[in-house]
Protein backbone atom coordinates (compact mmCIF):
# COMPACT_ATOMS: atom_id res chain seq x y z
CA UNK A 1 123.20 146.46 71.72
CA UNK A 2 126.76 145.50 72.60
CA UNK A 3 126.11 146.44 76.19
CA UNK A 4 123.17 144.01 76.32
CA UNK A 5 125.21 141.28 74.63
CA UNK A 6 127.94 141.80 77.21
CA UNK A 7 125.45 141.30 80.04
CA UNK A 8 123.88 138.09 78.68
CA UNK A 9 126.53 135.70 80.06
CA UNK A 10 126.33 137.33 83.50
CA UNK A 11 122.53 137.20 83.40
CA UNK A 12 122.60 133.55 82.40
CA UNK A 13 125.08 132.78 85.18
CA UNK A 14 122.90 134.62 87.70
CA UNK A 15 119.79 132.73 86.55
CA UNK A 16 121.67 129.41 86.79
CA UNK A 17 122.80 130.34 90.31
CA UNK A 18 119.23 131.19 91.30
CA UNK A 19 117.98 127.88 89.88
CA UNK A 20 120.61 125.97 91.90
CA UNK A 21 119.63 127.87 95.05
CA UNK A 22 115.97 127.10 94.40
CA UNK A 23 116.79 123.41 93.95
CA UNK A 24 118.69 123.37 97.25
CA UNK A 25 115.76 125.09 98.96
CA UNK A 26 113.32 122.56 97.50
CA UNK A 27 115.54 119.73 98.79
CA UNK A 28 115.60 121.25 102.28
CA UNK A 29 111.81 121.63 102.28
CA UNK A 30 111.36 118.05 101.06
CA UNK A 31 113.70 116.73 103.77
CA UNK A 32 111.93 118.81 106.38
CA UNK A 33 108.56 117.44 105.28
CA UNK A 34 109.97 113.91 105.37
CA UNK A 35 111.33 114.59 108.87
CA UNK A 36 107.96 115.90 109.99
CA UNK A 37 106.25 112.76 108.70
CA UNK A 38 108.82 110.60 110.51
CA UNK A 39 108.30 112.50 113.77
CA UNK A 40 104.53 112.24 113.37
CA UNK A 41 104.80 108.46 112.96
CA UNK A 42 107.12 108.22 115.98
CA UNK A 43 104.70 110.27 118.06
CA UNK A 44 101.79 108.03 117.06
CA UNK A 45 103.84 104.95 117.96
CA UNK A 46 104.85 106.45 121.31
CA UNK A 47 101.21 107.30 122.11
CA UNK A 48 100.17 103.75 121.25
CA UNK A 49 102.94 102.36 123.47
CA UNK A 50 101.83 104.65 126.28
CA UNK A 51 98.23 103.51 125.94
CA UNK A 52 99.29 99.85 126.11
CA UNK A 53 101.52 100.49 129.13
CA UNK A 54 98.76 102.44 130.84
CA UNK A 55 96.32 99.59 130.26
CA UNK A 56 98.83 97.05 131.59
CA UNK A 57 99.56 99.24 134.60
CA UNK A 58 95.87 99.48 135.43
CA UNK A 59 95.45 95.71 135.14
CA UNK A 60 98.44 95.10 137.42
CA UNK A 61 97.12 97.67 139.89
CA UNK A 62 93.73 95.92 140.02
CA UNK A 63 95.35 92.52 140.54
CA UNK A 64 97.58 93.89 143.29
CA UNK A 65 94.58 95.46 145.00
CA UNK A 66 92.78 92.11 144.91
CA UNK A 67 95.85 90.30 146.28
CA UNK A 68 96.34 92.88 149.04
CA UNK A 69 92.68 92.67 150.04
CA UNK A 70 92.87 88.87 150.13
CA UNK A 71 95.98 89.03 152.32
CA UNK A 72 94.29 91.50 154.67
CA UNK A 73 91.28 89.23 154.86
CA UNK A 74 93.43 86.21 155.68
CA UNK A 75 95.46 88.12 158.28
CA UNK A 76 92.33 89.47 159.97
CA UNK A 77 90.87 85.99 160.41
């Protein structure tokens, strides 16, 4: 029984060390999940910006085409 009693403090210390390691791991996982959510939001925002820029680019392209065609028409006359 003395042998078991001698091992109890070491066992308790080992368990405490494992619990601290588990807590650190949980913190890393939580931060990683938070980072993933942040990146997901940034990606959505970037896609929305791209869609708006694409729409604006198409509108500008159409207006330029109209202006170029009008200039050609005037120059041909």
